[in-house]
């Protein structure tokens, strides 16, 4: 058998293996979704109906489906902004000025994986027990600040906690992006051409980190949209996962329809964001 024949056989075997893996993965991920959709549209006596999806927007309760979803989307946006604002400057500083501190910072960022969310909530509850109003019932500046942060109308407490919980994922995503190119060389070239530090970061480094930042944002978004423990223990009823768990309906079809609808909606949002980022990257490459 010639070398070309051996190479063709290996290529055919590799292609078959790839298709087998893709088929198994598709069945594993798409199969349960198709089964759930089939369950939500099936009539008890036979036939197809969309009544379960119509009932999503007619569920009684403190807030509606749309309000709960928008509430969680705003929390996710705030979490993404906080996490990136914290980790991007930190990672740039570690890669450019303080490489010896990288191991320590990595260990600190991985701590949320070691401690469960309940421990984080217990610590926050202890802080709120400490900052109680005084004998006059007024309280000091710390008490008013903490009460403002925890207010359910603008729950800044949840994005702060979620930003801590996403540190391991955001750290890894941005660190992988910075390791994919020579940061020091790009910064040195930009600075030698007369660019300021803000220009270097905004026009050179951040565009090079577009994929890493998008991945980090996706991970933050996924965690916030599925996180139930922290919001529930802190008695927040408006986030979408808590709202979904506390639905007054006993219909399994409606609950499954809400899960399917929210999953497809979130996936659509992610595809839109991914498409915008991809078009922006292609436009930048074409213009250069």
C-alpha atoms as a PDB file:
ATOM      1  CA  UNK A   1       0.000   0.000   0.000  1.00  0.00           C
ATOM      2  CA  UNK A   2       1.407   3.365  -1.040  1.00  0.00           C
ATOM      3  CA  UNK A   3       1.877   6.361   1.245  1.00  0.00           C
ATOM      4  CA  UNK A   4      -0.945   8.230  -0.516  1.00  0.00           C
ATOM      5  CA  UNK A   5      -3.367   5.370   0.117  1.00  0.00           C
ATOM      6  CA  UNK A   6      -2.375   5.207   3.781  1.00  0.00           C
ATOM      7  CA  UNK A   7      -2.866   8.956   4.110  1.00  0.00           C
ATOM      8  CA  UNK A   8      -6.309   8.715   2.436  1.00  0.00           C
ATOM      9  CA  UNK A   9      -7.342   5.916   4.788  1.00  0.00           C
ATOM     10  CA  UNK A  10      -6.200   7.890   7.799  1.00  0.00           C
ATOM     11  CA  UNK A  11      -8.029  10.960   6.513  1.00  0.00           C
ATOM     12  CA  UNK A  12     -11.215   8.974   5.997  1.00  0.00           C
ATOM     13  CA  UNK A  13     -10.919   7.437   9.451  1.00  0.00           C
ATOM     14  CA  UNK A  14     -10.392  10.853  11.041  1.00  0.00           C
ATOM     15  CA  UNK A  15     -13.397  12.292   9.199  1.00  0.00           C
ATOM     16  CA  UNK A  16     -15.607   9.403  10.292  1.00  0.00           C
ATOM     17  CA  UNK A  17     -14.455   9.817  13.893  1.00  0.00           C
ATOM     18  CA  UNK A  18     -15.202  13.538  13.812  1.00  0.00           C
ATOM     19  CA  UNK A  19     -18.683  12.944  12.438  1.00  0.00           C
ATOM     20  CA  UNK A  20     -19.294  10.286  15.075  1.00  0.00           C
ATOM     21  CA  UNK A  21     -18.266  12.652  17.875  1.00  0.00           C
ATOM     22  CA  UNK A  22     -20.403  15.460  16.439  1.00  0.00           C
ATOM     23  CA  UNK A  23     -23.405  13.143  16.101  1.00  0.00           C
ATOM     24  CA  UNK A  24     -23.106  11.897  19.689  1.00  0.00           C
ATOM     25  CA  UNK A  25     -22.696  15.459  20.953  1.00  0.00           C
ATOM     26  CA  UNK A  26     -25.732  16.625  18.955  1.00  0.00           C
ATOM     27  CA  UNK A  27     -27.870  13.808  20.351  1.00  0.00           C
ATOM     28  CA  UNK A  28     -26.651  14.524  23.875  1.00  0.00           C
ATOM     29  CA  UNK A  29     -27.330  18.276  23.747  1.00  0.00           C
ATOM     30  CA  UNK A  30     -30.190  18.637  21.267  1.00  0.00           C
ATOM     31  CA  UNK A  31     -32.088  15.439  22.140  1.00  0.00           C
ATOM     32  CA  UNK A  32     -33.339  16.618  25.571  1.00  0.00           C
ATOM     33  CA  UNK A  33     -34.327  19.987  24.094  1.00  0.00           C
ATOM     34  CA  UNK A  34     -36.378  18.348  21.345  1.00  0.00           C
ATOM     35  CA  UNK A  35     -38.002  16.065  23.917  1.00  0.00           C
ATOM     36  CA  UNK A  36     -38.912  19.074  26.069  1.00  0.00           C
ATOM     37  CA  UNK A  37     -40.378  20.943  23.086  1.00  0.00           C
ATOM     38  CA  UNK A  38     -42.397  17.871  22.139  1.00  0.00           C
ATOM     39  CA  UNK A  39     -43.746  17.656  25.689  1.00  0.00           C
ATOM     40  CA  UNK A  40     -44.776  21.336  25.777  1.00  0.00           C
ATOM     41  CA  UNK A  41     -46.784  21.232  22.533  1.00  0.00           C
ATOM     42  CA  UNK A  42     -48.539  17.906  23.061  1.00  0.00           C
ATOM     43  CA  UNK A  43     -52.268  17.894  23.786  1.00  0.00           C
ATOM     44  CA  UNK A  44     -53.539  15.463  26.435  1.00  0.00           C
ATOM     45  CA  UNK A  45     -55.996  13.970  23.953  1.00  0.00           C
ATOM     46  CA  UNK A  46     -53.630  14.053  21.009  1.00  0.00           C
ATOM     47  CA  UNK A  47     -52.570  16.808  18.671  1.00  0.00           C
ATOM     48  CA  UNK A  48     -50.429  19.921  18.960  1.00  0.00           C
ATOM     49  CA  UNK A  49     -51.099  23.095  20.960  1.00  0.00           C
ATOM     50  CA  UNK A  50     -49.186  26.230  21.923  1.00  0.00           C
ATOM     51  CA  UNK A  51     -51.294  26.986  24.973  1.00  0.00           C
ATOM     52  CA  UNK A  52     -48.380  26.325  27.345  1.00  0.00           C
ATOM     53  CA  UNK A  53     -46.350  29.054  25.653  1.00  0.00           C
ATOM     54  CA  UNK A  54     -49.292  31.474  25.789  1.00  0.00           C
ATOM     55  CA  UNK A  55     -49.667  30.769  29.494  1.00  0.00           C
ATOM     56  CA  UNK A  56     -46.105  31.943  30.099  1.00  0.00           C
ATOM     57  CA  UNK A  57     -47.199  35.562  29.889  1.00  0.00           C
ATOM     58  CA  UNK A  58     -50.373  35.033  31.929  1.00  0.00           C
ATOM     59  CA  UNK A  59     -48.869  33.640  35.127  1.00  0.00           C
ATOM     60  CA  UNK A  60     -49.985  35.493  38.275  1.00  0.00           C
ATOM     61  CA  UNK A  61     -47.358  36.725  40.696  1.00  0.00           C
ATOM     62  CA  UNK A  62     -45.368  39.697  41.895  1.00  0.00           C
ATOM     63  CA  UNK A  63     -43.754  40.250  38.490  1.00  0.00           C
ATOM     64  CA  UNK A  64     -44.268  38.889  35.002  1.00  0.00           C
ATOM     65  CA  UNK A  65     -42.032  36.743  32.854  1.00  0.00           C
ATOM     66  CA  UNK A  66     -40.744  39.758  30.929  1.00  0.00           C
ATOM     67  CA  UNK A  67     -39.928  41.756  34.053  1.00  0.00           C
ATOM     68  CA  UNK A  68     -38.058  38.839  35.618  1.00  0.00           C
ATOM     69  CA  UNK A  69     -36.046  38.252  32.443  1.00  0.00           C
ATOM     70  CA  UNK A  70     -35.155  41.935  32.027  1.00  0.00           C
ATOM     71  CA  UNK A  71     -34.249  42.110  35.717  1.00  0.00           C
ATOM     72  CA  UNK A  72     -31.762  39.252  35.322  1.00  0.00           C
ATOM     73  CA  UNK A  73     -30.427  40.655  32.047  1.00  0.00           C
ATOM     74  CA  UNK A  74     -29.619  43.954  33.769  1.00  0.00           C
ATOM     75  CA  UNK A  75     -27.902  42.094  36.605  1.00  0.00           C
ATOM     76  CA  UNK A  76     -25.909  40.099  34.043  1.00  0.00           C
ATOM     77  CA  UNK A  77     -24.859  43.296  32.253  1.00  0.00           C
ATOM     78  CA  UNK A  78     -23.728  44.886  35.527  1.00  0.00           C
ATOM     79  CA  UNK A  79     -21.826  41.706  36.443  1.00  0.00           C
ATOM     80  CA  UNK A  80     -20.022  41.653  33.094  1.00  0.00           C
ATOM     81  CA  UNK A  81     -19.010  45.299  33.426  1.00  0.00           C
ATOM     82  CA  UNK A  82     -17.762  44.825  36.993  1.00  0.00           C
ATOM     83  CA  UNK A  83     -15.854  41.619  36.257  1.00  0.00           C
ATOM     84  CA  UNK A  84     -14.134  42.990  33.148  1.00  0.00           C
ATOM     85  CA  UNK A  85     -13.382  46.329  34.799  1.00  0.00           C
ATOM     86  CA  UNK A  86     -11.695  44.439  37.622  1.00  0.00           C
ATOM     87  CA  UNK A  87      -9.818  41.755  35.697  1.00  0.00           C
ATOM     88  CA  UNK A  88      -8.659  43.500  32.499  1.00  0.00           C
ATOM     89  CA  UNK A  89      -6.472  46.121  34.257  1.00  0.00           C
ATOM     90  CA  UNK A  90      -5.286  43.484  36.724  1.00  0.00           C
ATOM     91  CA  UNK A  91      -4.252  41.078  33.971  1.00  0.00           C
ATOM     92  CA  UNK A  92      -2.498  43.808  31.979  1.00  0.00           C
ATOM     93  CA  UNK A  93      -0.590  44.861  35.083  1.00  0.00           C
ATOM     94  CA  UNK A  94       0.417  41.267  35.810  1.00  0.00           C
ATOM     95  CA  UNK A  95       1.617  40.616  32.264  1.00  0.00           C
ATOM     96  CA  UNK A  96       3.431  43.929  31.845  1.00  0.00           C
ATOM     97  CA  UNK A  97       4.715  44.986  35.254  1.00  0.00           C
ATOM     98  CA  UNK A  98       4.201  42.337  37.928  1.00  0.00           C
ATOM     99  CA  UNK A  99       4.680  38.853  36.419  1.00  0.00           C
ATOM    100  CA  UNK A 100       5.926  37.477  39.759  1.00  0.00           C
ATOM    101  CA  UNK A 101       2.537  38.155  41.333  1.00  0.00           C
ATOM    102  CA  UNK A 102       0.652  36.149  38.715  1.00  0.00           C
ATOM    103  CA  UNK A 103       0.610  32.926  40.746  1.00  0.00           C
ATOM    104  CA  UNK A 104      -0.729  34.628  43.875  1.00  0.00           C
ATOM    105  CA  UNK A 105      -3.459  36.454  41.962  1.00  0.00           C
ATOM    106  CA  UNK A 106      -4.425  33.245  40.190  1.00  0.00           C
ATOM    107  CA  UNK A 107      -4.832  31.433  43.508  1.00  0.00           C
ATOM    108  CA  UNK A 108      -6.968  34.286  44.873  1.00  0.00           C
ATOM    109  CA  UNK A 109      -9.167  34.285  41.752  1.00  0.00           C
ATOM    110  CA  UNK A 110      -9.678  30.518  42.009  1.00  0.00           C
ATOM    111  CA  UNK A 111     -10.919  30.691  45.604  1.00  0.00           C
ATOM    112  CA  UNK A 112     -14.616  31.051  44.569  1.00  0.00           C
ATOM    113  CA  UNK A 113     -14.354  27.522  43.140  1.00  0.00           C
ATOM    114  CA  UNK A 114     -13.240  26.210  46.535  1.00  0.00           C
ATOM    115  CA  UNK A 115     -15.864  27.881  48.694  1.00  0.00           C
ATOM    116  CA  UNK A 116     -19.539  27.243  47.849  1.00  0.00           C
ATOM    117  CA  UNK A 117     -21.890  30.197  47.254  1.00  0.00           C
ATOM    118  CA  UNK A 118     -23.540  29.593  50.629  1.00  0.00           C
ATOM    119  CA  UNK A 119     -20.278  30.519  52.389  1.00  0.00           C
ATOM    120  CA  UNK A 120     -20.169  33.774  50.436  1.00  0.00           C
ATOM    121  CA  UNK A 121     -23.746  34.587  51.405  1.00  0.00           C
ATOM    122  CA  UNK A 122     -23.025  33.809  55.073  1.00  0.00           C
ATOM    123  CA  UNK A 123     -20.122  36.256  55.006  1.00  0.00           C
ATOM    124  CA  UNK A 124     -22.264  38.968  53.452  1.00  0.00           C
ATOM    125  CA  UNK A 125     -25.013  38.346  56.004  1.00  0.00           C
ATOM    126  CA  UNK A 126     -22.452  38.771  58.767  1.00  0.00           C
ATOM    127  CA  UNK A 127     -21.479  42.154  57.396  1.00  0.00           C
ATOM    128  CA  UNK A 128     -25.113  43.254  57.368  1.00  0.00           C
ATOM    129  CA  UNK A 129     -25.586  42.048  60.949  1.00  0.00           C
ATOM    130  CA  UNK A 130     -22.563  44.127  61.949  1.00  0.00           C
ATOM    131  CA  UNK A 131     -23.835  47.290  60.249  1.00  0.00           C
ATOM    132  CA  UNK A 132     -27.021  47.677  62.241  1.00  0.00           C
ATOM    133  CA  UNK A 133     -28.665  51.036  63.019  1.00  0.00           C
ATOM    134  CA  UNK A 134     -27.719  52.645  66.316  1.00  0.00           C
ATOM    135  CA  UNK A 135     -29.884  53.220  69.338  1.00  0.00           C
ATOM    136  CA  UNK A 136     -31.450  56.236  67.662  1.00  0.00           C
ATOM    137  CA  UNK A 137     -32.581  54.012  64.776  1.00  0.00           C
ATOM    138  CA  UNK A 138     -30.818  56.179  62.191  1.00  0.00           C
ATOM    139  CA  UNK A 139     -27.592  54.314  61.565  1.00  0.00           C
ATOM    140  CA  UNK A 140     -24.315  55.581  60.206  1.00  0.00           C
ATOM    141  CA  UNK A 141     -22.970  56.015  56.703  1.00  0.00           C
ATOM    142  CA  UNK A 142     -22.011  52.327  56.403  1.00  0.00           C
ATOM    143  CA  UNK A 143     -25.539  51.238  57.296  1.00  0.00           C
ATOM    144  CA  UNK A 144     -27.167  53.505  54.706  1.00  0.00           C
ATOM    145  CA  UNK A 145     -24.643  52.495  52.038  1.00  0.00           C
ATOM    146  CA  UNK A 146     -25.204  48.765  52.627  1.00  0.00           C
ATOM    147  CA  UNK A 147     -28.966  49.209  52.660  1.00  0.00           C
ATOM    148  CA  UNK A 148     -28.772  51.118  49.370  1.00  0.00           C
ATOM    149  CA  UNK A 149     -26.666  48.352  47.810  1.00  0.00           C
ATOM    150  CA  UNK A 150     -29.124  45.668  48.871  1.00  0.00           C
ATOM    151  CA  UNK A 151     -32.277  47.486  47.733  1.00  0.00           C
ATOM    152  CA  UNK A 152     -34.267  45.178  45.429  1.00  0.00           C
ATOM    153  CA  UNK A 153     -35.090  48.010  43.009  1.00  0.00           C
ATOM    154  CA  UNK A 154     -31.393  48.324  42.115  1.00  0.00           C
ATOM    155  CA  UNK A 155     -29.739  45.189  43.549  1.00  0.00           C
ATOM    156  CA  UNK A 156     -26.087  46.167  43.339  1.00  0.00           C
ATOM    157  CA  UNK A 157     -25.334  43.452  45.854  1.00  0.00           C
ATOM    158  CA  UNK A 158     -26.061  40.663  43.371  1.00  0.00           C
ATOM    159  CA  UNK A 159     -23.684  41.941  40.646  1.00  0.00           C
ATOM    160  CA  UNK A 160     -20.973  42.406  43.283  1.00  0.00           C
ATOM    161  CA  UNK A 161     -21.374  38.818  44.489  1.00  0.00           C
ATOM    162  CA  UNK A 162     -21.682  37.404  40.984  1.00  0.00           C
ATOM    163  CA  UNK A 163     -18.546  39.278  39.906  1.00  0.00           C
ATOM    164  CA  UNK A 164     -16.667  37.470  42.675  1.00  0.00           C
ATOM    165  CA  UNK A 165     -18.137  34.117  41.633  1.00  0.00           C
ATOM    166  CA  UNK A 166     -17.103  34.649  37.997  1.00  0.00           C
ATOM    167  CA  UNK A 167     -13.485  35.554  38.812  1.00  0.00           C
ATOM    168  CA  UNK A 168     -12.077  32.066  38.009  1.00  0.00           C
ATOM    169  CA  UNK A 169     -13.690  31.989  34.569  1.00  0.00           C
ATOM    170  CA  UNK A 170     -12.943  35.605  33.667  1.00  0.00           C
ATOM    171  CA  UNK A 171      -9.342  35.250  34.840  1.00  0.00           C
ATOM    172  CA  UNK A 172      -8.753  32.154  32.710  1.00  0.00           C
ATOM    173  CA  UNK A 173     -10.425  33.621  29.613  1.00  0.00           C
ATOM    174  CA  UNK A 174      -8.463  36.891  29.692  1.00  0.00           C
ATOM    175  CA  UNK A 175      -5.205  35.179  30.652  1.00  0.00           C
ATOM    176  CA  UNK A 176      -5.531  32.821  27.678  1.00  0.00           C
ATOM    177  CA  UNK A 177      -6.184  35.797  25.406  1.00  0.00           C
ATOM    178  CA  UNK A 178      -3.113  37.671  26.650  1.00  0.00           C
ATOM    179  CA  UNK A 179      -0.917  34.585  26.268  1.00  0.00           C
ATOM    180  CA  UNK A 180      -1.960  34.240  22.627  1.00  0.00           C
ATOM    181  CA  UNK A 181       0.152  37.254  21.542  1.00  0.00           C
ATOM    182  CA  UNK A 182       3.213  39.156  22.714  1.00  0.00           C
ATOM    183  CA  UNK A 183       1.746  41.860  24.936  1.00  0.00           C
ATOM    184  CA  UNK A 184       5.054  43.501  25.774  1.00  0.00           C
ATOM    185  CA  UNK A 185       6.044  43.849  22.112  1.00  0.00           C
ATOM    186  CA  UNK A 186       2.710  45.394  21.131  1.00  0.00           C
ATOM    187  CA  UNK A 187       2.849  47.866  24.006  1.00  0.00           C
ATOM    188  CA  UNK A 188       6.453  48.776  23.261  1.00  0.00           C
ATOM    189  CA  UNK A 189       5.704  49.324  19.569  1.00  0.00           C
ATOM    190  CA  UNK A 190       2.652  51.440  20.330  1.00  0.00           C
ATOM    191  CA  UNK A 191       4.450  53.541  22.916  1.00  0.00           C
ATOM    192  CA  UNK A 192       7.501  54.033  20.643  1.00  0.00           C
ATOM    193  CA  UNK A 193       5.177  55.437  17.967  1.00  0.00           C
ATOM    194  CA  UNK A 194       3.959  58.085  20.381  1.00  0.00           C
ATOM    195  CA  UNK A 195       0.674  56.568  21.565  1.00  0.00           C
ATOM    196  CA  UNK A 196      -0.439  57.277  25.114  1.00  0.00           C
ATOM    197  CA  UNK A 197      -1.357  54.545  27.565  1.00  0.00           C
ATOM    198  CA  UNK A 198      -5.135  55.028  27.089  1.00  0.00           C
ATOM    199  CA  UNK A 199      -4.675  54.865  23.313  1.00  0.00           C
ATOM    200  CA  UNK A 200      -2.481  51.777  23.579  1.00  0.00           C
ATOM    201  CA  UNK A 201      -4.983  49.973  25.751  1.00  0.00           C
ATOM    202  CA  UNK A 202      -8.093  51.073  23.838  1.00  0.00           C
ATOM    203  CA  UNK A 203      -6.783  50.808  20.270  1.00  0.00           C
ATOM    204  CA  UNK A 204      -4.170  48.048  20.462  1.00  0.00           C
ATOM    205  CA  UNK A 205      -4.710  45.696  23.385  1.00  0.00           C
ATOM    206  CA  UNK A 206      -8.495  45.583  23.742  1.00  0.00           C
ATOM    207  CA  UNK A 207      -9.122  44.834  20.031  1.00  0.00           C
ATOM    208  CA  UNK A 208      -6.591  42.004  20.302  1.00  0.00           C
ATOM    209  CA  UNK A 209      -8.537  40.691  23.300  1.00  0.00           C
ATOM    210  CA  UNK A 210     -11.921  40.834  21.579  1.00  0.00           C
ATOM    211  CA  UNK A 211     -12.420  37.058  21.554  1.00  0.00           C
ATOM    212  CA  UNK A 212     -11.212  36.627  25.138  1.00  0.00           C
ATOM    213  CA  UNK A 213     -13.468  39.411  26.398  1.00  0.00           C
ATOM    214  CA  UNK A 214     -16.441  37.938  24.540  1.00  0.00           C
ATOM    215  CA  UNK A 215     -15.793  34.521  26.071  1.00  0.00           C
ATOM    216  CA  UNK A 216     -15.510  36.039  29.538  1.00  0.00           C
ATOM    217  CA  UNK A 217     -18.761  37.951  29.033  1.00  0.00           C
ATOM    218  CA  UNK A 218     -20.534  34.760  27.900  1.00  0.00           C
ATOM    219  CA  UNK A 219     -19.374  32.904  30.994  1.00  0.00           C
ATOM    220  CA  UNK A 220     -20.591  35.720  33.256  1.00  0.00           C
ATOM    221  CA  UNK A 221     -23.908  35.814  31.441  1.00  0.00           C
ATOM    222  CA  UNK A 222     -24.420  32.078  31.738  1.00  0.00           C
ATOM    223  CA  UNK A 223     -23.646  32.068  35.459  1.00  0.00           C
ATOM    224  CA  UNK A 224     -26.012  34.944  36.249  1.00  0.00           C
ATOM    225  CA  UNK A 225     -28.906  33.571  34.209  1.00  0.00           C
ATOM    226  CA  UNK A 226     -28.700  30.205  35.971  1.00  0.00           C
ATOM    227  CA  UNK A 227     -27.688  31.203  39.515  1.00  0.00           C
ATOM    228  CA  UNK A 228     -30.400  30.484  42.076  1.00  0.00           C
ATOM    229  CA  UNK A 229     -28.727  29.903  45.447  1.00  0.00           C
ATOM    230  CA  UNK A 230     -27.387  33.367  46.253  1.00  0.00           C
ATOM    231  CA  UNK A 231     -30.472  35.272  45.107  1.00  0.00           C
ATOM    232  CA  UNK A 232     -32.814  32.904  46.925  1.00  0.00           C
ATOM    233  CA  UNK A 233     -30.949  32.984  50.245  1.00  0.00           C
ATOM    234  CA  UNK A 234     -30.770  36.769  50.132  1.00  0.00           C
ATOM    235  CA  UNK A 235     -34.580  36.817  49.599  1.00  0.00           C
ATOM    236  CA  UNK A 236     -34.542  38.329  46.131  1.00  0.00           C
ATOM    237  CA  UNK A 237     -37.684  37.197  44.302  1.00  0.00           C
ATOM    238  CA  UNK A 238     -37.280  39.096  41.022  1.00  0.00           C
ATOM    239  CA  UNK A 239     -34.287  37.332  39.385  1.00  0.00           C
ATOM    240  CA  UNK A 240     -35.398  34.960  36.674  1.00  0.00           C
ATOM    241  CA  UNK A 241     -34.129  31.673  38.247  1.00  0.00           C
ATOM    242  CA  UNK A 242     -35.929  32.465  41.526  1.00  0.00           C
ATOM    243  CA  UNK A 243     -39.070  33.545  39.679  1.00  0.00           C
ATOM    244  CA  UNK A 244     -39.014  30.303  37.709  1.00  0.00           C
ATOM    245  CA  UNK A 245     -38.676  28.185  40.851  1.00  0.00           C
ATOM    246  CA  UNK A 246     -41.522  30.014  42.622  1.00  0.00           C
ATOM    247  CA  UNK A 247     -44.103  29.860  39.863  1.00  0.00           C
ATOM    248  CA  UNK A 248     -47.592  29.257  41.318  1.00  0.00           C
ATOM    249  CA  UNK A 249     -48.565  26.961  38.453  1.00  0.00           C
ATOM    250  CA  UNK A 250     -48.607  23.202  38.891  1.00  0.00           C
ATOM    251  CA  UNK A 251     -48.628  22.513  35.160  1.00  0.00           C
ATOM    252  CA  UNK A 252     -45.547  20.645  34.072  1.00  0.00           C
ATOM    253  CA  UNK A 253     -46.106  21.782  30.492  1.00  0.00           C
ATOM    254  CA  UNK A 254     -46.028  25.468  31.437  1.00  0.00           C
ATOM    255  CA  UNK A 255     -42.880  25.047  33.499  1.00  0.00           C
ATOM    256  CA  UNK A 256     -41.185  23.154  30.688  1.00  0.00           C
ATOM    257  CA  UNK A 257     -42.370  25.764  28.172  1.00  0.00           C
ATOM    258  CA  UNK A 258     -40.857  28.565  30.271  1.00  0.00           C
ATOM    259  CA  UNK A 259     -37.562  26.709  30.491  1.00  0.00           C
ATOM    260  CA  UNK A 260     -37.483  26.026  26.743  1.00  0.00           C
ATOM    261  CA  UNK A 261     -38.518  29.582  25.852  1.00  0.00           C
ATOM    262  CA  UNK A 262     -35.940  31.175  28.163  1.00  0.00           C
ATOM    263  CA  UNK A 263     -33.196  28.832  26.911  1.00  0.00           C
ATOM    264  CA  UNK A 264     -33.921  29.631  23.267  1.00  0.00           C
ATOM    265  CA  UNK A 265     -34.174  33.349  24.019  1.00  0.00           C
ATOM    266  CA  UNK A 266     -30.841  33.401  25.844  1.00  0.00           C
ATOM    267  CA  UNK A 267     -29.205  31.420  23.035  1.00  0.00           C
ATOM    268  CA  UNK A 268     -30.580  33.908  20.510  1.00  0.00           C
ATOM    269  CA  UNK A 269     -29.136  36.799  22.512  1.00  0.00           C
ATOM    270  CA  UNK A 270     -25.756  35.087  22.680  1.00  0.00           C
ATOM    271  CA  UNK A 271     -25.784  34.467  18.932  1.00  0.00           C
ATOM    272  CA  UNK A 272     -26.609  38.129  18.280  1.00  0.00           C
ATOM    273  CA  UNK A 273     -23.772  39.318  20.511  1.00  0.00           C
ATOM    274  CA  UNK A 274     -21.392  36.793  18.972  1.00  0.00           C
ATOM    275  CA  UNK A 275     -22.407  37.861  15.476  1.00  0.00           C
ATOM    276  CA  UNK A 276     -21.840  41.534  16.269  1.00  0.00           C
ATOM    277  CA  UNK A 277     -18.396  40.768  17.698  1.00  0.00           C
ATOM    278  CA  UNK A 278     -17.448  38.602  14.712  1.00  0.00           C
ATOM    279  CA  UNK A 279     -18.543  41.243  12.195  1.00  0.00           C
ATOM    280  CA  UNK A 280     -16.590  43.863  14.101  1.00  0.00           C
ATOM    281  CA  UNK A 281     -13.446  41.722  14.034  1.00  0.00           C
ATOM    282  CA  UNK A 282     -13.818  40.994  10.300  1.00  0.00           C
ATOM    283  CA  UNK A 283     -14.388  44.689   9.565  1.00  0.00           C
ATOM    284  CA  UNK A 284     -11.237  45.598  11.487  1.00  0.00           C
ATOM    285  CA  UNK A 285      -9.186  42.962   9.629  1.00  0.00           C
ATOM    286  CA  UNK A 286     -10.551  44.113   6.257  1.00  0.00           C
ATOM    287  CA  UNK A 287      -9.803  47.774   6.994  1.00  0.00           C
ATOM    288  CA  UNK A 288      -6.236  46.964   8.052  1.00  0.00           C
END
